[in-house]
Amino acid sequence: MMTDELPQVFVVRDAGDRRIDFHPVRFRSDGAAVQESNSGGEWVFSAPGLLGTGFIDGRKIRCLTPEEQAMRAIDQPGETAYEPDETDRRDMRLLRDRFGITFPYPFDDYQI
């Protein structure tokens, strides 16, 4: 099954509700990646922020660094009064607990 929220993201999931989010980007000459927002803005992912690694089912994969992930979570282009949902809060708690990252409101310790 697929959920289409292009140009920002599309999500593929299986019968067990395991999901993979795909975020189409275009690369700039400086190595940064730009992703369009459905509200008309753009996220810019720094070149160093694209050098993260993680594991899915024991396989090493490329991903955002924890710091870049945290910045993108709180930087919502074209959005006003962004209110994180429970999934956002869970993700931020995991980043905080695993990597020691601190967040400003609305992801600060009192909110997550």
Foldseek 3Di string as FASTA:
>chain_A
DKDDPPPAWMWDADPVRDIDIDGDWDADPQQWTWGADSLGFIDIQHNVQQADWDDDPRDIDTGGDLVSVQVPLVDDPNDDPDDDDPVSQVVLVVSCVPPVDADDPPNHPVND
